[in-house]
Every structure is written in C-alpha cells, then in structure tokens.
Amino acid sequence: MGGIGPYLIQSMAQDDLNKLWDSGWFTLENLPGIAAELDAALRNKLVMHGSHGYTGVLALQGAMGSGKTTLMKALCAQWNVLDEAASPTFGLVHEYHVQDWTIFHHDLYRLKNEEEAWDMGLSEYFSSLAFNVVEWPERAPGLMPSDALLLDLEVESMAEDASRRAILWEVVNLEPRMY
C-alpha cells in the first residue's frame, strides 16, 4: 500500500502538501456550515460513488479534544445519515449508510500498534467502494493509502468554547527527503 504514515502533516515539508481547503478559525456553533464547506471540498477532489457519496480515505488528525468526533457528527448530519453518529473508540469502527453510499468511521486511538489495525482488516475497508474517515491515523501509518487526504484539526486551547481550524491537505510528494 505504501502508506502516507511517515508523511503525516507534522513531518512534511510545505511543498509536499497541497492545501485544498481551510476553514479559518471557527467555534463549534459554526460547525454545520464548516461541515457543508468540507463536504463540498471533498466532493471536488474525491471519486463520486453512487447517487450521493464518494470513495476514498480521509485521515483525520488532531489533539485529544480537538473535535474530531464532533466534526464527524456534523458531517453525518450534513450527509443526512439517519443513525446517530458516535465515537467508535470502543468498537473501533462505525458503519453508516445514506442511500447506496457507505461511510466507515474508524477510531484507532486504542490500538497498540499497526499490526492490530492490520488484524482488524483496516486495509480491506480502504479497498471497498466506501468513504473511510480515520481518527488517529498515526496509529497505523503504514496502512494509510498514499492517496488519502489529510484533515488537520487545530484548537486554540482546551477550553470548551475555544476556536478551531480545519485544513484539508492532499499529499503531492511522497519521496523521502535528505536533510
């Protein structure tokens, strides 16, 4: 698979990434609008599938408490998912359906190593005709596909009303660098 793992945002040079979308700073009250904007950015970049959705992998990274699961809930509302979106931390993956579109929401936080992600079949999910959102992708870096998009969530502070920022990136250079 040749994953993007070693190339997660913190370790990448700016010219390795192409910024596709930037929310600017927002509060959680603005999350429905942010989810709509992010959905439009994803539709512009990913392969459409079925009557409603798209396929691909979105690696969602950010500090604990940055709002990853909260953003996923807002996206599910944007997509008209009928089931209640929740953190899949204990089940590791939740599956949602919208008409003929399948969305898998993975939370790898509890995994001890990449082998556990392999054993749960993570790469098989990625090869399906579904959209995969992966929280804590750094837990299985070698399994993340090279064409995964990266969504980096930043938070000003850990206060509940702190402003957040979401930046959607596309990896354009996976060549190792000599520094």
Foldseek 3Di string as FASTA:
>chain_A
DQFCLVVPPVNHDPVQKDWQDKPPWDWLVCLLVVLLVVQVSCVVPFDADDDQGGAAEEEEEEDVQLCPQVSVQSNCVVSVFPDRRDDCVPVQWDWTDDPPAIEIEGECVPPPAQVVCVVVPVLVVNPDRHYYYYYPCNRNRRSHDLFHKYWYKYWPDNDNGTIIMIIIIGGRDPDDDDD
